[in-house]
């Protein structure tokens, strides 16, 4: 699996360099790297849909907060801190908790219907 992901990363990097026309150490700075780590952490490490969901939140949040200027990274950092503080498993932990809560409500509703029928 590691070899396959390395192969795909190398191919993607080759396409990226070809589209830019040249490569230098300043092409990819610290910001894209930290945003990638934030996407994984925000979504939930160890889940497949988690980083995808985290990437969507970061990308749309980044575009939505573009008017805030340099404050946008501070606001995104605050959002990440709040989610990690309250949901250490990321957004996927929140989604799992909501699913469990909905199941409990549906079971209670079904039990009430059965009691009324008896």
Protein backbone atom coordinates (compact mmCIF):
# COMPACT_ATOMS: atom_id res chain seq x y z
CA UNK A 1 0.00 0.00 0.00
CA UNK A 2 2.86 2.34 0.85
CA UNK A 3 4.51 1.66 -2.51
CA UNK A 4 1.26 2.34 -4.38
CA UNK A 5 0.65 5.62 -2.55
CA UNK A 6 4.28 6.65 -3.19
CA UNK A 7 3.88 5.86 -6.88
CA UNK A 8 0.69 7.91 -7.15
CA UNK A 9 2.26 10.78 -5.19
CA UNK A 10 5.27 10.79 -7.50
CA UNK A 11 3.06 10.83 -10.59
CA UNK A 12 0.96 13.67 -9.15
CA UNK A 13 4.13 15.60 -8.30
CA UNK A 14 5.39 15.13 -11.85
CA UNK A 15 2.14 16.51 -13.26
CA UNK A 16 2.28 19.43 -10.81
CA UNK A 17 5.84 20.35 -11.83
CA UNK A 18 4.92 20.03 -15.50
CA UNK A 19 1.97 22.39 -15.05
CA UNK A 20 4.13 24.95 -13.16
CA UNK A 21 7.04 24.78 -15.57
CA UNK A 22 9.73 24.77 -12.88
CA UNK A 23 10.34 23.63 -9.32
CA UNK A 24 12.02 25.30 -6.37
CA UNK A 25 12.00 24.91 -2.58
CA UNK A 26 9.61 27.85 -2.28
CA UNK A 27 7.00 26.25 -4.56
CA UNK A 28 5.36 24.50 -1.64
CA UNK A 29 5.87 26.36 1.61
CA UNK A 30 4.75 25.52 5.10
CA UNK A 31 1.14 26.67 4.64
CA UNK A 32 0.01 23.90 2.22
CA UNK A 33 1.71 21.29 4.41
CA UNK A 34 0.01 22.53 7.57
CA UNK A 35 -3.35 22.76 5.81
CA UNK A 36 -2.98 19.13 4.71
CA UNK A 37 -2.25 18.03 8.28
CA UNK A 38 -5.19 20.12 9.49
CA UNK A 39 -7.49 18.47 6.94
CA UNK A 40 -6.58 15.02 8.22
CA UNK A 41 -6.83 15.97 11.88
CA UNK A 42 -10.07 17.88 11.45
CA UNK A 43 -11.80 15.07 9.59
CA UNK A 44 -10.57 12.27 11.79
CA UNK A 45 -7.39 10.29 11.39
CA UNK A 46 -7.96 6.59 10.82
CA UNK A 47 -11.17 6.95 8.84
CA UNK A 48 -11.56 7.00 5.09
CA UNK A 49 -14.24 9.72 4.70
CA UNK A 50 -12.82 11.82 7.56
CA UNK A 51 -9.93 13.51 5.74
CA UNK A 52 -12.16 14.07 2.70
CA UNK A 53 -14.71 15.81 4.91
CA UNK A 54 -11.92 17.71 6.67
CA UNK A 55 -10.54 18.83 3.31
CA UNK A 56 -13.97 20.07 2.26
CA UNK A 57 -14.36 22.05 5.50
CA UNK A 58 -10.88 23.58 5.21
CA UNK A 59 -11.20 24.44 1.50
CA UNK A 60 -14.69 25.93 1.77
CA UNK A 61 -13.82 27.63 5.07
CA UNK A 62 -10.67 29.06 3.51
CA UNK A 63 -12.65 30.47 0.58
CA UNK A 64 -15.51 31.67 2.78
CA UNK A 65 -13.10 33.50 5.09
CA UNK A 66 -11.02 35.00 2.28
CA UNK A 67 -12.57 38.42 3.01
CA UNK A 68 -11.09 38.24 6.51
CA UNK A 69 -7.59 38.50 5.04
CA UNK A 70 -4.79 37.32 7.30
CA UNK A 71 -7.30 36.68 10.06
CA UNK A 72 -8.67 33.68 8.12
CA UNK A 73 -5.86 31.35 9.21
CA UNK A 74 -6.42 32.38 12.82
CA UNK A 75 -10.15 31.67 12.52
CA UNK A 76 -9.51 28.31 10.84
CA UNK A 77 -7.01 27.49 13.59
CA UNK A 78 -9.60 28.35 16.21
CA UNK A 79 -12.16 26.12 14.49
CA UNK A 80 -9.66 23.25 14.40
CA UNK A 81 -8.83 23.76 18.10
CA UNK A 82 -12.52 23.73 19.06
CA UNK A 83 -13.26 20.58 17.08
CA UNK A 84 -10.22 18.78 18.47
CA UNK A 85 -11.07 19.92 22.00
CA UNK A 86 -14.68 18.73 21.90
CA UNK A 87 -14.31 15.89 19.37
CA UNK A 88 -10.81 14.36 19.56
CA UNK A 89 -11.75 11.94 16.77
CA UNK A 90 -12.49 14.83 14.41
CA UNK A 91 -15.67 15.51 12.49
CA UNK A 92 -16.25 11.79 12.01
CA UNK A 93 -16.60 11.35 15.77
CA UNK A 94 -19.28 14.06 15.72
CA UNK A 95 -21.03 12.30 12.81
CA UNK A 96 -20.91 8.96 14.66
CA UNK A 97 -22.34 10.55 17.81
CA UNK A 98 -25.16 12.15 15.83
CA UNK A 99 -25.99 8.79 14.19
CA UNK A 100 -26.12 7.11 17.61
CA UNK A 101 -28.32 9.91 18.97
CA UNK A 102 -30.72 9.60 16.04
CA UNK A 103 -30.88 5.81 16.49
CA UNK A 104 -31.75 6.24 20.18
CA UNK A 105 -34.51 8.72 19.31
CA UNK A 106 -35.92 6.38 16.66
CA UNK A 107 -35.90 3.43 19.07
CA UNK A 108 -37.68 5.48 21.74
CA UNK A 109 -40.28 6.61 19.21
CA UNK A 110 -40.80 3.02 18.08
CA UNK A 111 -41.18 1.85 21.69
CA UNK A 112 -43.83 4.52 22.33
CA UNK A 113 -45.78 3.33 19.28
CA UNK A 114 -45.62 -0.28 20.49
CA UNK A 115 -46.81 0.71 23.97
CA UNK A 116 -49.75 2.64 22.46
CA UNK A 117 -50.72 -0.35 20.34
CA UNK A 118 -50.85 -2.65 23.37
